[in-house]
Amino acid sequence: MGENGLTPSFMVKHQFGPIIFREECVFKREVRMGDIITIDVQLLKARPDHSRWTIQHRIMKNGDETAAIITVDGAWIDVVQRKLTIPPDKVTHVFEKMPKAELFIWDK
């Protein structure tokens, strides 16, 4: 996300940020010192305005073995009003570039 301009400083400037409703981690394999770790991110579900979303992080070890799957349900909050909000257009552009899961769905 940061590579596409959705950085902490951008969020501070526009007075919004992520809020997490649910986070689930399923551990599959032990990660040991020296294992090479990669993280794949994909969008599982989102509203068309990207105000709410579900993102999955797949933690891979040594290239091909799933070590953990982290699933996060979240939304964007206006940090001044302390209310859920529709994010700036930049968020839509970043989320449109994010890989989508095979079973991705648009939420209501």
N, C-alpha and C. Protein backbone atom coordinates (compact mmCIF):
# COMPACT_ATOMS: atom_id res chain seq x y z
N MET A 1 0.83 -1.18 0.00
CA MET A 1 0.00 0.00 0.00
C MET A 1 0.87 1.25 0.00
N GLY A 2 1.92 1.21 0.81
CA GLY A 2 2.81 2.36 0.88
C GLY A 2 3.48 2.68 -0.44
N GLU A 3 3.80 1.63 -1.20
CA GLU A 3 4.43 1.83 -2.51
C GLU A 3 3.52 2.58 -3.46
N ASN A 4 2.22 2.55 -3.20
CA ASN A 4 1.24 3.23 -4.05
C ASN A 4 0.73 4.53 -3.44
N GLY A 5 1.43 5.02 -2.43
CA GLY A 5 1.10 6.33 -1.87
C GLY A 5 0.18 6.33 -0.67
N LEU A 6 -0.30 5.17 -0.27
CA LEU A 6 -1.18 5.09 0.90
C LEU A 6 -0.30 4.88 2.14
N THR A 7 0.33 5.97 2.56
CA THR A 7 1.31 5.95 3.65
C THR A 7 0.70 6.51 4.93
N PRO A 8 1.34 6.27 6.06
CA PRO A 8 0.87 6.88 7.31
C PRO A 8 0.79 8.41 7.21
N SER A 9 1.75 9.05 6.56
CA SER A 9 1.71 10.51 6.45
C SER A 9 0.53 10.98 5.59
N PHE A 10 0.18 10.21 4.56
CA PHE A 10 -1.00 10.54 3.75
C PHE A 10 -2.26 10.46 4.61
N MET A 11 -2.34 9.42 5.43
CA MET A 11 -3.52 9.26 6.29
C MET A 11 -3.61 10.37 7.33
N VAL A 12 -2.48 10.75 7.91
CA VAL A 12 -2.48 11.85 8.88
C VAL A 12 -2.93 13.14 8.20
N LYS A 13 -2.40 13.41 7.03
CA LYS A 13 -2.75 14.63 6.29
C LYS A 13 -4.25 14.69 5.99
N HIS A 14 -4.84 13.55 5.66
CA HIS A 14 -6.26 13.50 5.29
C HIS A 14 -7.16 13.07 6.45
N GLN A 15 -6.58 12.94 7.63
CA GLN A 15 -7.29 12.70 8.88
C GLN A 15 -8.19 11.46 8.86
N PHE A 16 -7.63 10.36 8.39
CA PHE A 16 -8.35 9.09 8.42
C PHE A 16 -7.35 7.97 8.67
N GLY A 17 -7.86 6.81 9.01
CA GLY A 17 -6.99 5.66 9.22
C GLY A 17 -7.81 4.39 9.29
N PRO A 18 -7.12 3.25 9.29
CA PRO A 18 -7.84 1.96 9.34
C PRO A 18 -8.31 1.66 10.76
N ILE A 19 -9.41 0.96 10.84
CA ILE A 19 -9.90 0.44 12.10
C ILE A 19 -10.20 -1.04 11.88
N ILE A 20 -9.78 -1.87 12.80
CA ILE A 20 -9.92 -3.32 12.66
C ILE A 20 -11.09 -3.80 13.52
N PHE A 21 -12.00 -4.53 12.89
CA PHE A 21 -13.13 -5.11 13.61
C PHE A 21 -12.83 -6.54 14.07
N ARG A 22 -12.10 -7.26 13.23
CA ARG A 22 -11.82 -8.67 13.54
C ARG A 22 -10.48 -9.03 12.90
N GLU A 23 -9.72 -9.81 13.64
CA GLU A 23 -8.47 -10.34 13.11
C GLU A 23 -8.36 -11.79 13.53
N GLU A 24 -8.09 -12.64 12.57
CA GLU A 24 -7.99 -14.07 12.83
C GLU A 24 -6.68 -14.58 12.26
N CYS A 25 -5.98 -15.37 13.03
CA CYS A 25 -4.74 -15.97 12.55
C CYS A 25 -4.83 -17.49 12.70
N VAL A 26 -4.59 -18.17 11.60
CA VAL A 26 -4.55 -19.63 11.61
C VAL A 26 -3.10 -20.03 11.36
N PHE A 27 -2.51 -20.69 12.35
CA PHE A 27 -1.13 -21.12 12.24
C PHE A 27 -1.08 -22.51 11.60
N LYS A 28 -0.25 -22.64 10.56
CA LYS A 28 -0.15 -23.89 9.82
C LYS A 28 1.17 -24.62 10.05
N ARG A 29 2.25 -23.88 10.05
CA ARG A 29 3.59 -24.46 10.19
C ARG A 29 4.45 -23.55 11.07
N GLU A 30 5.39 -24.18 11.76
CA GLU A 30 6.32 -23.44 12.59
C GLU A 30 7.31 -22.67 11.71
N VAL A 31 7.63 -21.46 12.13
CA VAL A 31 8.66 -20.66 11.46
C VAL A 31 9.89 -20.68 12.35
N ARG A 32 11.01 -21.04 11.76
CA ARG A 32 12.25 -21.15 12.53
C ARG A 32 13.27 -20.11 12.05
N MET A 33 14.23 -19.85 12.93
CA MET A 33 15.31 -18.94 12.59
C MET A 33 15.95 -19.43 11.29
N GLY A 34 16.13 -18.53 10.35
CA GLY A 34 16.76 -18.88 9.08
C GLY A 34 15.76 -19.15 7.96
N ASP A 35 14.47 -19.38 8.31
CA ASP A 35 13.45 -19.54 7.27
C ASP A 35 13.30 -18.23 6.51
N ILE A 36 13.07 -18.33 5.23
CA ILE A 36 12.81 -17.15 4.40
C ILE A 36 11.31 -16.95 4.36
N ILE A 37 10.87 -15.77 4.80
CA ILE A 37 9.44 -15.47 4.92
C ILE A 37 9.01 -14.48 3.84
N THR A 38 7.88 -14.77 3.21
CA THR A 38 7.25 -13.82 2.29
C THR A 38 5.79 -13.70 2.71
N ILE A 39 5.21 -12.55 2.39
CA ILE A 39 3.81 -12.30 2.73
C ILE A 39 3.08 -11.91 1.47
N ASP A 40 2.05 -12.67 1.14
CA ASP A 40 1.17 -12.35 0.02
C ASP A 40 -0.10 -11.74 0.60
N VAL A 41 -0.57 -10.67 -0.02
CA VAL A 41 -1.77 -9.98 0.43
C VAL A 41 -2.79 -10.04 -0.68
N GLN A 42 -4.07 -10.32 -0.31
CA GLN A 42 -5.13 -10.29 -1.30
C GLN A 42 -6.42 -9.79 -0.65
N LEU A 43 -7.22 -9.17 -1.47
CA LEU A 43 -8.50 -8.65 -1.04
C LEU A 43 -9.54 -9.75 -1.18
N LEU A 44 -10.22 -10.08 -0.07
CA LEU A 44 -11.24 -11.12 -0.10
C LEU A 44 -12.63 -10.55 -0.35
N LYS A 45 -12.86 -9.36 0.24
CA LYS A 45 -14.20 -8.77 0.14
C LYS A 45 -14.05 -7.26 0.32
N ALA A 46 -14.89 -6.48 -0.38
CA ALA A 46 -14.87 -5.03 -0.21
C ALA A 46 -16.19 -4.44 -0.66
N ARG A 47 -16.54 -3.32 -0.07
CA ARG A 47 -17.65 -2.53 -0.60
C ARG A 47 -17.13 -1.78 -1.82
N PRO A 48 -18.01 -1.45 -2.75
CA PRO A 48 -17.55 -0.74 -3.96
C PRO A 48 -16.83 0.58 -3.66
N ASP A 49 -17.17 1.25 -2.54
CA ASP A 49 -16.49 2.49 -2.19
C ASP A 49 -15.26 2.24 -1.30
N HIS A 50 -14.96 0.98 -1.04
CA HIS A 50 -13.83 0.53 -0.23
C HIS A 50 -13.86 1.06 1.20
N SER A 51 -15.05 1.37 1.68
CA SER A 51 -15.19 1.85 3.06
C SER A 51 -15.04 0.71 4.07
N ARG A 52 -15.36 -0.49 3.66
CA ARG A 52 -15.17 -1.69 4.49
C ARG A 52 -14.55 -2.77 3.62
N TRP A 53 -13.77 -3.65 4.26
CA TRP A 53 -13.00 -4.61 3.48
C TRP A 53 -12.55 -5.78 4.35
N THR A 54 -12.19 -6.85 3.66
CA THR A 54 -11.55 -8.00 4.29
C THR A 54 -10.30 -8.30 3.48
N ILE A 55 -9.17 -8.33 4.18
CA ILE A 55 -7.88 -8.58 3.55
C ILE A 55 -7.28 -9.84 4.18
N GLN A 56 -6.66 -10.64 3.34
CA GLN A 56 -5.99 -11.84 3.84
C GLN A 56 -4.49 -11.75 3.56
N HIS A 57 -3.70 -12.05 4.59
CA HIS A 57 -2.25 -12.10 4.49
C HIS A 57 -1.84 -13.57 4.60
N ARG A 58 -1.18 -14.06 3.60
CA ARG A 58 -0.68 -15.44 3.65
C ARG A 58 0.82 -15.38 3.90
N ILE A 59 1.24 -15.92 5.04
CA ILE A 59 2.65 -15.94 5.43
C ILE A 59 3.25 -17.25 4.90
N MET A 60 4.20 -17.12 3.99
CA MET A 60 4.83 -18.28 3.38
C MET A 60 6.26 -18.41 3.90
N LYS A 61 6.68 -19.65 4.11
CA LYS A 61 8.07 -19.87 4.51
C LYS A 61 8.77 -20.67 3.43
N ASN A 62 9.99 -20.28 3.17
CA ASN A 62 10.85 -20.95 2.19
C ASN A 62 10.19 -21.09 0.83
N GLY A 63 9.39 -20.10 0.47
CA GLY A 63 8.87 -20.00 -0.88
C GLY A 63 7.53 -20.66 -1.16
N ASP A 64 7.24 -21.81 -0.56
CA ASP A 64 6.05 -22.53 -1.00
C ASP A 64 5.21 -23.13 0.12
N GLU A 65 5.60 -22.95 1.35
CA GLU A 65 4.89 -23.59 2.45
C GLU A 65 4.15 -22.54 3.27
N THR A 66 2.83 -22.71 3.41
CA THR A 66 2.04 -21.74 4.17
C THR A 66 2.30 -21.94 5.66
N ALA A 67 2.78 -20.88 6.30
CA ALA A 67 3.05 -20.92 7.74
C ALA A 67 1.87 -20.38 8.54
N ALA A 68 1.17 -19.37 7.99
CA ALA A 68 0.03 -18.79 8.69
C ALA A 68 -0.84 -18.03 7.70
N ILE A 69 -2.10 -17.90 8.06
CA ILE A 69 -3.05 -17.11 7.28
C ILE A 69 -3.71 -16.13 8.25
N ILE A 70 -3.55 -14.85 7.96
CA ILE A 70 -4.14 -13.81 8.81
C ILE A 70 -5.25 -13.13 8.00
N THR A 71 -6.45 -13.12 8.54
CA THR A 71 -7.60 -12.50 7.89
C THR A 71 -8.06 -11.34 8.75
N VAL A 72 -8.22 -10.18 8.11
CA VAL A 72 -8.57 -8.96 8.83
C VAL A 72 -9.80 -8.33 8.19
N ASP A 73 -10.82 -8.04 9.02
CA ASP A 73 -11.98 -7.27 8.61
C ASP A 73 -11.81 -5.86 9.13
N GLY A 74 -11.95 -4.87 8.26
CA GLY A 74 -11.74 -3.50 8.71
C GLY A 74 -12.53 -2.48 7.92
N ALA A 75 -12.30 -1.24 8.29
CA ALA A 75 -12.96 -0.10 7.67
C ALA A 75 -12.04 1.10 7.84
N TRP A 76 -12.50 2.26 7.39
CA TRP A 76 -11.77 3.51 7.54
C TRP A 76 -12.52 4.40 8.50
N ILE A 77 -11.78 5.10 9.36
CA ILE A 77 -12.39 5.99 10.33
C ILE A 77 -11.84 7.40 10.14
N ASP A 78 -12.74 8.38 10.23
CA ASP A 78 -12.36 9.79 10.27
C ASP A 78 -11.84 10.03 11.68
N VAL A 79 -10.56 10.36 11.82
CA VAL A 79 -9.97 10.46 13.16
C VAL A 79 -10.37 11.72 13.90
N VAL A 80 -10.95 12.71 13.22
CA VAL A 80 -11.43 13.92 13.88
C VAL A 80 -12.85 13.70 14.40
N GLN A 81 -13.73 13.21 13.52
CA GLN A 81 -15.13 12.99 13.91
C GLN A 81 -15.34 11.69 14.67
N ARG A 82 -14.33 10.79 14.61
CA ARG A 82 -14.42 9.47 15.26
C ARG A 82 -15.61 8.68 14.75
N LYS A 83 -15.81 8.72 13.42
CA LYS A 83 -16.89 7.98 12.77
C LYS A 83 -16.33 7.27 11.55
N LEU A 84 -16.98 6.16 11.21
CA LEU A 84 -16.58 5.47 9.98
C LEU A 84 -16.80 6.39 8.80
N THR A 85 -15.94 6.25 7.79
CA THR A 85 -15.99 7.18 6.66
C THR A 85 -15.69 6.47 5.35
N ILE A 86 -16.04 7.11 4.27
CA ILE A 86 -15.62 6.67 2.94
C ILE A 86 -14.24 7.28 2.72
N PRO A 87 -13.26 6.50 2.35
CA PRO A 87 -11.90 7.01 2.24
C PRO A 87 -11.69 7.89 1.00
N PRO A 88 -10.58 8.64 0.97
CA PRO A 88 -10.25 9.43 -0.22
C PRO A 88 -10.07 8.54 -1.45
N ASP A 89 -10.16 9.16 -2.62
CA ASP A 89 -10.04 8.42 -3.88
C ASP A 89 -8.75 7.62 -3.98
N LYS A 90 -7.68 8.08 -3.38
CA LYS A 90 -6.40 7.35 -3.45
C LYS A 90 -6.56 5.93 -2.92
N VAL A 91 -7.38 5.75 -1.88
CA VAL A 91 -7.60 4.41 -1.33
C VAL A 91 -8.25 3.51 -2.38
N THR A 92 -9.22 4.04 -3.09
CA THR A 92 -9.87 3.27 -4.16
C THR A 92 -8.85 2.84 -5.20
N HIS A 93 -7.96 3.75 -5.59
CA HIS A 93 -6.95 3.42 -6.60
C HIS A 93 -5.99 2.34 -6.09
N VAL A 94 -5.62 2.43 -4.82
CA VAL A 94 -4.70 1.43 -4.25
C VAL A 94 -5.40 0.08 -4.15
N PHE A 95 -6.64 0.06 -3.66
CA PHE A 95 -7.37 -1.20 -3.51
C PHE A 95 -7.68 -1.84 -4.87
N GLU A 96 -7.87 -1.04 -5.91
CA GLU A 96 -8.10 -1.59 -7.23
C GLU A 96 -6.87 -2.32 -7.77
N LYS A 97 -5.69 -1.91 -7.32
CA LYS A 97 -4.44 -2.56 -7.74
C LYS A 97 -4.13 -3.82 -6.93
N MET A 98 -4.75 -3.93 -5.75
CA MET A 98 -4.47 -5.06 -4.86
C MET A 98 -4.96 -6.37 -5.48
N PRO A 99 -4.17 -7.42 -5.39
CA PRO A 99 -4.63 -8.71 -5.92
C PRO A 99 -5.92 -9.14 -5.21
N LYS A 100 -6.84 -9.69 -5.98
CA LYS A 100 -8.11 -10.16 -5.42
C LYS A 100 -8.10 -11.68 -5.34
N ALA A 101 -8.73 -12.17 -4.29
CA ALA A 101 -8.83 -13.62 -4.09
C ALA A 101 -9.66 -14.24 -5.21
N GLU A 102 -9.43 -15.50 -5.44
CA GLU A 102 -10.18 -16.22 -6.47
C GLU A 102 -11.68 -16.12 -6.21
N LEU A 103 -12.07 -16.15 -4.94
CA LEU A 103 -13.49 -16.07 -4.58
C LEU A 103 -13.87 -14.68 -4.06
N PHE A 104 -13.19 -13.64 -4.55
CA PHE A 104 -13.48 -12.27 -4.13
C PHE A 104 -14.94 -11.93 -4.36
N ILE A 105 -15.51 -11.18 -3.40
CA ILE A 105 -16.90 -10.73 -3.56
C ILE A 105 -17.01 -9.25 -3.22
N TRP A 106 -17.92 -8.59 -3.93
CA TRP A 106 -18.29 -7.21 -3.58
C TRP A 106 -19.35 -7.29 -2.52
N ASP A 107 -19.16 -6.53 -1.47
CA ASP A 107 -20.09 -6.51 -0.34
C ASP A 107 -21.11 -5.39 -0.52
N LYS A 108 -22.21 -5.47 0.20
CA LYS A 108 -23.25 -4.42 0.12
C LYS A 108 -22.87 -3.23 0.95
